[in-house]
Amino acid sequence: MQDATNNPQFLTVRQFTEKQPAFTAGGIRSLLFYRGDDAEKSGAVVRFGRRVLIDEPRFLSWVREGGAKHIRGAA
């Protein structure tokens, strides 16, 4: 099995939600607004100019580890 850091799979928000229908575009955009810095620090999200790219394996791992457990408000 390859490590997610060695094999990034970048997708736009639209591409990601089409591939992973459990996630909605609005939900992802809300997550990026409130937790975008944390997602970037984990490597799950990369900003390429104005474009936001999601590294699918890292993002799913980050969500699985509880990175999106609390999106906004008091924890």
Protein backbone atom coordinates (compact mmCIF):
# COMPACT_ATOMS: atom_id res chain seq x y z
CA MET A 1 0.00 0.00 0.00
CA GLN A 2 1.36 3.40 -0.98
CA ASP A 3 1.65 6.23 1.49
CA ALA A 4 -0.77 9.12 0.88
CA THR A 5 2.11 11.60 1.02
CA ASN A 6 3.86 9.89 -1.90
CA ASN A 7 0.78 9.66 -4.11
CA PRO A 8 -1.38 12.78 -3.83
CA GLN A 9 -4.66 12.73 -5.71
CA PHE A 10 -5.77 16.33 -6.07
CA LEU A 11 -9.40 17.07 -6.84
CA THR A 12 -11.43 20.26 -6.97
CA VAL A 13 -14.38 20.54 -4.59
CA ARG A 14 -16.76 19.61 -7.43
CA GLN A 15 -14.68 16.61 -8.52
CA PHE A 16 -14.36 15.45 -4.92
CA THR A 17 -18.10 15.63 -4.23
CA GLU A 18 -18.88 13.79 -7.47
CA LYS A 19 -16.46 11.02 -6.50
CA GLN A 20 -17.48 10.97 -2.81
CA PRO A 21 -21.27 11.59 -2.76
CA ALA A 22 -21.43 11.43 1.05
CA PHE A 23 -19.92 14.94 1.04
CA THR A 24 -21.81 17.95 -0.34
CA ALA A 25 -20.17 20.94 -2.00
CA GLY A 26 -21.77 23.26 0.58
CA GLY A 27 -20.52 21.11 3.43
CA ILE A 28 -16.99 21.07 2.05
CA ARG A 29 -17.02 24.84 1.49
CA SER A 30 -18.29 25.41 5.04
CA LEU A 31 -15.57 23.14 6.37
CA LEU A 32 -12.97 25.06 4.37
CA PHE A 33 -14.25 28.39 5.70
CA TYR A 34 -14.18 27.36 9.36
CA ARG A 35 -11.44 24.70 9.42
CA GLY A 36 -9.46 25.44 6.25
CA ASP A 37 -6.27 26.35 8.10
CA ASP A 38 -6.32 23.05 10.00
CA ALA A 39 -7.00 21.14 6.79
CA GLU A 40 -4.08 22.89 5.11
CA LYS A 41 -1.74 22.16 8.01
CA SER A 42 -2.61 18.47 7.78
CA GLY A 43 -1.97 18.48 4.02
CA ALA A 44 -5.58 17.49 3.25
CA VAL A 45 -6.15 20.74 1.36
CA VAL A 46 -3.79 22.72 -0.84
CA ARG A 47 -4.39 26.20 -2.19
CA PHE A 48 -3.21 26.77 -5.76
CA GLY A 49 -3.81 30.46 -6.35
CA ARG A 50 -7.53 30.94 -5.79
CA ARG A 51 -8.25 27.29 -6.45
CA VAL A 52 -8.70 24.89 -3.55
CA LEU A 53 -7.50 21.35 -4.19
CA ILE A 54 -8.36 18.42 -1.97
CA ASP A 55 -5.81 15.64 -1.60
CA GLU A 56 -8.37 12.84 -1.46
CA PRO A 57 -6.44 10.20 0.54
CA ARG A 58 -5.19 12.74 3.09
CA PHE A 59 -8.57 14.46 3.38
CA LEU A 60 -10.40 11.20 4.03
CA SER A 61 -7.75 10.22 6.56
CA TRP A 62 -8.03 13.64 8.25
CA VAL A 63 -11.82 13.28 8.47
CA ARG A 64 -11.50 9.71 9.76
CA GLU A 65 -9.11 10.90 12.50
CA GLY A 66 -11.65 13.46 13.70
CA GLY A 67 -10.39 16.57 11.89
CA ALA A 68 -13.93 17.51 10.89
CA LYS A 69 -15.63 16.40 14.08
CA HIS A 70 -16.36 20.01 15.05
CA ILE A 71 -16.68 22.35 12.11
CA ARG A 72 -17.84 25.53 13.81
CA GLY A 73 -19.04 26.80 17.13
CA ALA A 74 -17.99 25.62 20.56
CA ALA A 75 -16.35 22.23 20.71
